[in-house]
């Protein structure tokens, strides 16, 4: 995964640090090392994008969320604090995972409703969650296996689920458009949040 333009990231740096301070966590910055060719380096979803996601009202307090490639936990902390939903973060990198646990310890919510697991995404057994969030955490090969796990859960417990893909690349898009059981339902445009025009600044919403 190519990192987003650093000048555009710096555009909202103040907002990033203000939100971290409000939530009493530390999620700013990047982890540039890649574990291998299938697991990509950590980069947090900008808070302005998460605010746009919240405003879309696609996620509700009663939802249960899985954040794949959860990193230091920003998505989970924000959604739990601002919407009230329960979140499970699945992270492959043990060093980044430990930072998420540090953040969980300092996060001020009384009944936190957040958990982090250190394991491969394709090995995580989906339970009754209905929201799944991806910010290019891994290759399409792993995505295929993860969606297989989600399908298994739907077969065992029939329910509508939604998939959210932030900053999708061509490889993800090409694959998603071939899936007969994934219906594209919305695009949350985020291009206006950053300088310049970048068509990847969006969240695509699919239903299964």
C-alpha atoms as a PDB file:
ATOM      1  CA  UNK A   1       0.000   0.000   0.000  1.00  0.00           C
ATOM      2  CA  UNK A   2       1.375   3.395  -0.971  1.00  0.00           C
ATOM      3  CA  UNK A   3       1.178   5.933   1.823  1.00  0.00           C
ATOM      4  CA  UNK A   4      -1.017   8.924   1.222  1.00  0.00           C
ATOM      5  CA  UNK A   5       0.644  12.232   0.363  1.00  0.00           C
ATOM      6  CA  UNK A   6       2.368  13.563   3.497  1.00  0.00           C
ATOM      7  CA  UNK A   7       1.412  17.164   2.723  1.00  0.00           C
ATOM      8  CA  UNK A   8      -2.243  16.157   2.753  1.00  0.00           C
ATOM      9  CA  UNK A   9      -1.762  14.288   6.003  1.00  0.00           C
ATOM     10  CA  UNK A  10      -0.193  17.375   7.563  1.00  0.00           C
ATOM     11  CA  UNK A  11      -3.227  19.421   6.487  1.00  0.00           C
ATOM     12  CA  UNK A  12      -5.277  18.054   9.396  1.00  0.00           C
ATOM     13  CA  UNK A  13      -2.431  17.421  11.851  1.00  0.00           C
ATOM     14  CA  UNK A  14      -3.969  19.667  14.493  1.00  0.00           C
ATOM     15  CA  UNK A  15      -7.273  17.825  14.322  1.00  0.00           C
ATOM     16  CA  UNK A  16      -5.429  14.510  14.609  1.00  0.00           C
ATOM     17  CA  UNK A  17      -3.645  15.431  17.825  1.00  0.00           C
ATOM     18  CA  UNK A  18      -6.698  17.162  19.312  1.00  0.00           C
ATOM     19  CA  UNK A  19      -8.786  14.026  18.878  1.00  0.00           C
ATOM     20  CA  UNK A  20      -6.071  11.818  20.339  1.00  0.00           C
ATOM     21  CA  UNK A  21      -5.902  14.126  23.356  1.00  0.00           C
ATOM     22  CA  UNK A  22      -9.681  14.076  23.755  1.00  0.00           C
ATOM     23  CA  UNK A  23      -9.786  10.270  23.678  1.00  0.00           C
ATOM     24  CA  UNK A  24      -6.648   9.979  25.844  1.00  0.00           C
ATOM     25  CA  UNK A  25      -4.916   7.742  23.307  1.00  0.00           C
ATOM     26  CA  UNK A  26      -1.872   7.915  21.027  1.00  0.00           C
ATOM     27  CA  UNK A  27      -2.548   6.849  17.452  1.00  0.00           C
ATOM     28  CA  UNK A  28      -0.810   9.528  15.368  1.00  0.00           C
ATOM     29  CA  UNK A  29       2.164   8.637  13.211  1.00  0.00           C
ATOM     30  CA  UNK A  30       2.910   5.708  10.968  1.00  0.00           C
ATOM     31  CA  UNK A  31       4.648   2.355  11.125  1.00  0.00           C
ATOM     32  CA  UNK A  32       6.466   2.172   7.828  1.00  0.00           C
ATOM     33  CA  UNK A  33       7.775  -1.362   7.991  1.00  0.00           C
ATOM     34  CA  UNK A  34       5.830  -4.029   6.124  1.00  0.00           C
ATOM     35  CA  UNK A  35       5.540  -7.435   7.676  1.00  0.00           C
ATOM     36  CA  UNK A  36       5.575  -9.165   4.265  1.00  0.00           C
ATOM     37  CA  UNK A  37       4.063  -8.887   0.787  1.00  0.00           C
ATOM     38  CA  UNK A  38       0.535  -9.573   2.010  1.00  0.00           C
ATOM     39  CA  UNK A  39       0.307  -7.523   5.251  1.00  0.00           C
ATOM     40  CA  UNK A  40       0.665  -3.784   4.742  1.00  0.00           C
ATOM     41  CA  UNK A  41       2.183  -1.101   6.954  1.00  0.00           C
ATOM     42  CA  UNK A  42       0.119   0.735   9.562  1.00  0.00           C
ATOM     43  CA  UNK A  43      -1.469   4.075   8.760  1.00  0.00           C
ATOM     44  CA  UNK A  44      -4.399   5.439  10.807  1.00  0.00           C
ATOM     45  CA  UNK A  45      -7.658   6.558   9.234  1.00  0.00           C
ATOM     46  CA  UNK A  46      -7.793  10.385   9.532  1.00  0.00           C
ATOM     47  CA  UNK A  47     -10.230  11.604  12.163  1.00  0.00           C
ATOM     48  CA  UNK A  48     -11.906  13.860   9.597  1.00  0.00           C
ATOM     49  CA  UNK A  49     -12.759  10.743   7.599  1.00  0.00           C
ATOM     50  CA  UNK A  50     -14.119   9.042  10.703  1.00  0.00           C
ATOM     51  CA  UNK A  51     -16.255  12.116  11.369  1.00  0.00           C
ATOM     52  CA  UNK A  52     -17.626  11.838   7.830  1.00  0.00           C
ATOM     53  CA  UNK A  53     -18.346   8.156   8.428  1.00  0.00           C
ATOM     54  CA  UNK A  54     -20.220   8.992  11.612  1.00  0.00           C
ATOM     55  CA  UNK A  55     -22.265  11.663   9.806  1.00  0.00           C
ATOM     56  CA  UNK A  56     -23.314   9.111   7.179  1.00  0.00           C
ATOM     57  CA  UNK A  57     -25.318   7.296   9.900  1.00  0.00           C
ATOM     58  CA  UNK A  58     -24.457   3.934   8.370  1.00  0.00           C
ATOM     59  CA  UNK A  59     -23.184   2.774  11.771  1.00  0.00           C
ATOM     60  CA  UNK A  60     -25.540   2.662  14.747  1.00  0.00           C
ATOM     61  CA  UNK A  61     -25.048   2.240  18.513  1.00  0.00           C
ATOM     62  CA  UNK A  62     -26.390  -1.331  18.414  1.00  0.00           C
ATOM     63  CA  UNK A  63     -23.930  -2.440  15.722  1.00  0.00           C
ATOM     64  CA  UNK A  64     -20.929  -4.651  16.406  1.00  0.00           C
ATOM     65  CA  UNK A  65     -17.857  -3.729  14.409  1.00  0.00           C
ATOM     66  CA  UNK A  66     -14.734  -5.585  13.319  1.00  0.00           C
ATOM     67  CA  UNK A  67     -11.795  -3.382  12.329  1.00  0.00           C
ATOM     68  CA  UNK A  68      -9.314  -5.417  10.287  1.00  0.00           C
ATOM     69  CA  UNK A  69      -5.735  -4.199  10.589  1.00  0.00           C
ATOM     70  CA  UNK A  70      -6.777  -2.191  13.622  1.00  0.00           C
ATOM     71  CA  UNK A  71      -3.279  -0.889  14.374  1.00  0.00           C
ATOM     72  CA  UNK A  72      -3.196   1.312  17.457  1.00  0.00           C
ATOM     73  CA  UNK A  73      -6.990   1.192  17.690  1.00  0.00           C
ATOM     74  CA  UNK A  74      -8.099   4.621  16.450  1.00  0.00           C
ATOM     75  CA  UNK A  75     -11.178   3.416  14.533  1.00  0.00           C
ATOM     76  CA  UNK A  76     -12.439   1.399  17.473  1.00  0.00           C
ATOM     77  CA  UNK A  77     -11.920   4.142  20.034  1.00  0.00           C
ATOM     78  CA  UNK A  78     -13.589   6.767  17.869  1.00  0.00           C
ATOM     79  CA  UNK A  79     -16.630   4.669  16.925  1.00  0.00           C
ATOM     80  CA  UNK A  80     -17.122   3.487  20.483  1.00  0.00           C
ATOM     81  CA  UNK A  81     -16.801   6.993  21.942  1.00  0.00           C
ATOM     82  CA  UNK A  82     -18.846   8.833  19.332  1.00  0.00           C
ATOM     83  CA  UNK A  83     -21.479   6.253  18.361  1.00  0.00           C
ATOM     84  CA  UNK A  84     -21.471   3.779  21.218  1.00  0.00           C
ATOM     85  CA  UNK A  85     -21.036   0.583  19.198  1.00  0.00           C
ATOM     86  CA  UNK A  86     -18.894  -2.323  20.318  1.00  0.00           C
ATOM     87  CA  UNK A  87     -15.689  -2.911  18.378  1.00  0.00           C
ATOM     88  CA  UNK A  88     -13.243  -5.773  17.913  1.00  0.00           C
ATOM     89  CA  UNK A  89      -9.873  -4.852  16.432  1.00  0.00           C
ATOM     90  CA  UNK A  90      -7.868  -7.564  14.675  1.00  0.00           C
ATOM     91  CA  UNK A  91      -4.153  -6.758  14.283  1.00  0.00           C
ATOM     92  CA  UNK A  92      -1.362  -8.905  12.829  1.00  0.00           C
ATOM     93  CA  UNK A  93       1.662  -6.925  14.073  1.00  0.00           C
ATOM     94  CA  UNK A  94       2.380  -7.702  17.776  1.00  0.00           C
ATOM     95  CA  UNK A  95       4.295  -4.464  18.373  1.00  0.00           C
ATOM     96  CA  UNK A  96       1.442  -2.297  17.081  1.00  0.00           C
ATOM     97  CA  UNK A  97      -1.061  -4.486  18.923  1.00  0.00           C
ATOM     98  CA  UNK A  98       0.682  -3.737  22.229  1.00  0.00           C
ATOM     99  CA  UNK A  99       0.304  -0.027  21.556  1.00  0.00           C
ATOM    100  CA  UNK A 100      -3.424  -0.577  21.105  1.00  0.00           C
ATOM    101  CA  UNK A 101      -3.555  -2.263  24.504  1.00  0.00           C
ATOM    102  CA  UNK A 102      -1.743   0.714  26.037  1.00  0.00           C
ATOM    103  CA  UNK A 103      -4.370   2.981  24.504  1.00  0.00           C
ATOM    104  CA  UNK A 104      -7.164   0.761  25.794  1.00  0.00           C
ATOM    105  CA  UNK A 105      -5.797   1.142  29.315  1.00  0.00           C
ATOM    106  CA  UNK A 106      -5.912   4.939  29.087  1.00  0.00           C
ATOM    107  CA  UNK A 107      -9.216   5.229  27.157  1.00  0.00           C
ATOM    108  CA  UNK A 108     -11.669   6.845  29.611  1.00  0.00           C
ATOM    109  CA  UNK A 109     -14.901   4.965  28.859  1.00  0.00           C
ATOM    110  CA  UNK A 110     -16.246   3.075  31.877  1.00  0.00           C
ATOM    111  CA  UNK A 111     -17.741   0.130  29.961  1.00  0.00           C
ATOM    112  CA  UNK A 112     -15.334   0.215  27.079  1.00  0.00           C
ATOM    113  CA  UNK A 113     -16.942  -2.281  24.730  1.00  0.00           C
ATOM    114  CA  UNK A 114     -13.644  -2.611  22.849  1.00  0.00           C
ATOM    115  CA  UNK A 115     -11.299  -5.558  22.460  1.00  0.00           C
ATOM    116  CA  UNK A 116      -8.136  -6.125  20.463  1.00  0.00           C
ATOM    117  CA  UNK A 117      -6.853  -9.448  19.200  1.00  0.00           C
ATOM    118  CA  UNK A 118      -3.378 -10.202  17.865  1.00  0.00           C
ATOM    119  CA  UNK A 119      -3.894 -12.727  15.108  1.00  0.00           C
ATOM    120  CA  UNK A 120      -4.107 -13.167  11.366  1.00  0.00           C
ATOM    121  CA  UNK A 121      -7.287 -11.688   9.938  1.00  0.00           C
ATOM    122  CA  UNK A 122      -8.014 -14.794   7.879  1.00  0.00           C
ATOM    123  CA  UNK A 123      -7.930 -16.896  11.050  1.00  0.00           C
ATOM    124  CA  UNK A 124     -10.346 -14.738  13.015  1.00  0.00           C
ATOM    125  CA  UNK A 125     -13.684 -16.498  13.514  1.00  0.00           C
ATOM    126  CA  UNK A 126     -16.423 -13.940  12.973  1.00  0.00           C
ATOM    127  CA  UNK A 127     -19.161 -14.069  15.591  1.00  0.00           C
ATOM    128  CA  UNK A 128     -22.329 -11.957  15.407  1.00  0.00           C
ATOM    129  CA  UNK A 129     -20.744  -8.739  14.129  1.00  0.00           C
ATOM    130  CA  UNK A 130     -22.509  -6.868  11.346  1.00  0.00           C
ATOM    131  CA  UNK A 131     -20.015  -4.117  10.404  1.00  0.00           C
ATOM    132  CA  UNK A 132     -16.563  -4.775   8.909  1.00  0.00           C
ATOM    133  CA  UNK A 133     -14.042  -1.982   8.294  1.00  0.00           C
ATOM    134  CA  UNK A 134     -10.988  -2.120   6.013  1.00  0.00           C
ATOM    135  CA  UNK A 135      -8.305   0.490   5.280  1.00  0.00           C
ATOM    136  CA  UNK A 136      -6.154  -1.571   2.877  1.00  0.00           C
ATOM    137  CA  UNK A 137      -4.723  -3.724   5.689  1.00  0.00           C
ATOM    138  CA  UNK A 138      -3.671  -6.632   3.507  1.00  0.00           C
ATOM    139  CA  UNK A 139      -3.632  -8.098   0.015  1.00  0.00           C
ATOM    140  CA  UNK A 140      -6.636  -9.228  -2.007  1.00  0.00           C
ATOM    141  CA  UNK A 141      -5.550 -12.824  -1.386  1.00  0.00           C
ATOM    142  CA  UNK A 142      -6.116 -12.356   2.347  1.00  0.00           C
ATOM    143  CA  UNK A 143      -9.274 -10.318   1.725  1.00  0.00           C
ATOM    144  CA  UNK A 144     -10.732 -13.294  -0.124  1.00  0.00           C
ATOM    145  CA  UNK A 145     -10.122 -15.516   2.907  1.00  0.00           C
ATOM    146  CA  UNK A 146     -11.516 -12.915   5.309  1.00  0.00           C
ATOM    147  CA  UNK A 147     -14.711 -12.570   3.284  1.00  0.00           C
ATOM    148  CA  UNK A 148     -14.961 -16.358   3.320  1.00  0.00           C
ATOM    149  CA  UNK A 149     -14.946 -16.235   7.122  1.00  0.00           C
ATOM    150  CA  UNK A 150     -17.663 -13.568   7.054  1.00  0.00           C
ATOM    151  CA  UNK A 151     -19.765 -15.735   4.719  1.00  0.00           C
ATOM    152  CA  UNK A 152     -19.411 -18.701   7.062  1.00  0.00           C
ATOM    153  CA  UNK A 153     -20.748 -16.549   9.893  1.00  0.00           C
ATOM    154  CA  UNK A 154     -23.689 -15.361   7.792  1.00  0.00           C
ATOM    155  CA  UNK A 155     -24.587 -18.956   6.893  1.00  0.00           C
ATOM    156  CA  UNK A 156     -24.509 -19.914  10.577  1.00  0.00           C
ATOM    157  CA  UNK A 157     -26.376 -16.787  11.708  1.00  0.00           C
ATOM    158  CA  UNK A 158     -28.282 -15.206   8.769  1.00  0.00           C
ATOM    159  CA  UNK A 159     -28.189 -11.407   9.010  1.00  0.00           C
ATOM    160  CA  UNK A 160     -27.351  -8.399   6.823  1.00  0.00           C
ATOM    161  CA  UNK A 161     -23.770  -7.196   7.155  1.00  0.00           C
ATOM    162  CA  UNK A 162     -21.996  -4.140   5.777  1.00  0.00           C
ATOM    163  CA  UNK A 163     -18.440  -3.799   4.545  1.00  0.00           C
ATOM    164  CA  UNK A 164     -16.655  -0.429   4.610  1.00  0.00           C
ATOM    165  CA  UNK A 165     -13.570   0.139   2.450  1.00  0.00           C
ATOM    166  CA  UNK A 166     -11.667   3.375   2.970  1.00  0.00           C
ATOM    167  CA  UNK A 167      -9.207   4.596   0.320  1.00  0.00           C
ATOM    168  CA  UNK A 168      -9.743   1.544  -1.920  1.00  0.00           C
ATOM    169  CA  UNK A 169      -7.143   0.685  -4.557  1.00  0.00           C
ATOM    170  CA  UNK A 170      -7.784  -0.701  -8.014  1.00  0.00           C
ATOM    171  CA  UNK A 171      -6.969  -4.252  -6.923  1.00  0.00           C
ATOM    172  CA  UNK A 172      -9.606  -4.184  -4.193  1.00  0.00           C
ATOM    173  CA  UNK A 173     -12.175  -2.552  -6.481  1.00  0.00           C
ATOM    174  CA  UNK A 174     -11.643  -5.059  -9.279  1.00  0.00           C
ATOM    175  CA  UNK A 175     -12.146  -7.933  -6.882  1.00  0.00           C
ATOM    176  CA  UNK A 176     -15.162  -6.493  -5.051  1.00  0.00           C
ATOM    177  CA  UNK A 177     -17.030  -5.820  -8.278  1.00  0.00           C
ATOM    178  CA  UNK A 178     -16.822  -9.518  -9.186  1.00  0.00           C
ATOM    179  CA  UNK A 179     -18.556 -10.738  -6.031  1.00  0.00           C
ATOM    180  CA  UNK A 180     -22.144 -11.876  -6.645  1.00  0.00           C
ATOM    181  CA  UNK A 181     -23.071 -11.633  -2.968  1.00  0.00           C
ATOM    182  CA  UNK A 182     -21.624  -8.156  -2.298  1.00  0.00           C
ATOM    183  CA  UNK A 183     -23.943  -5.319  -3.266  1.00  0.00           C
ATOM    184  CA  UNK A 184     -22.535  -1.797  -3.584  1.00  0.00           C
ATOM    185  CA  UNK A 185     -24.885   0.532  -1.690  1.00  0.00           C
ATOM    186  CA  UNK A 186     -23.124   3.844  -1.070  1.00  0.00           C
ATOM    187  CA  UNK A 187     -20.026   5.982  -1.503  1.00  0.00           C
ATOM    188  CA  UNK A 188     -19.020   8.391   1.253  1.00  0.00           C
ATOM    189  CA  UNK A 189     -17.039  11.104  -0.504  1.00  0.00           C
ATOM    190  CA  UNK A 190     -14.065  12.472   1.444  1.00  0.00           C
ATOM    191  CA  UNK A 191     -12.195  14.344  -1.319  1.00  0.00           C
ATOM    192  CA  UNK A 192     -13.088  17.751   0.095  1.00  0.00           C
ATOM    193  CA  UNK A 193     -11.361  16.954   3.392  1.00  0.00           C
ATOM    194  CA  UNK A 194      -7.876  17.247   1.885  1.00  0.00           C
ATOM    195  CA  UNK A 195      -6.105  19.550  -0.581  1.00  0.00           C
ATOM    196  CA  UNK A 196      -6.244  18.431  -4.202  1.00  0.00           C
ATOM    197  CA  UNK A 197      -8.506  15.901  -5.841  1.00  0.00           C
ATOM    198  CA  UNK A 198      -7.971  12.228  -5.195  1.00  0.00           C
ATOM    199  CA  UNK A 199     -10.692   9.792  -6.211  1.00  0.00           C
ATOM    200  CA  UNK A 200      -9.469   7.288  -3.608  1.00  0.00           C
ATOM    201  CA  UNK A 201     -10.522   9.632  -0.802  1.00  0.00           C
ATOM    202  CA  UNK A 202     -13.818   7.867  -0.203  1.00  0.00           C
ATOM    203  CA  UNK A 203     -15.418   5.058   1.733  1.00  0.00           C
ATOM    204  CA  UNK A 204     -17.235   2.431  -0.294  1.00  0.00           C
ATOM    205  CA  UNK A 205     -20.095   0.618   1.422  1.00  0.00           C
ATOM    206  CA  UNK A 206     -21.152  -2.898   0.428  1.00  0.00           C
ATOM    207  CA  UNK A 207     -23.822  -5.177   1.839  1.00  0.00           C
ATOM    208  CA  UNK A 208     -23.680  -8.979   1.992  1.00  0.00           C
END
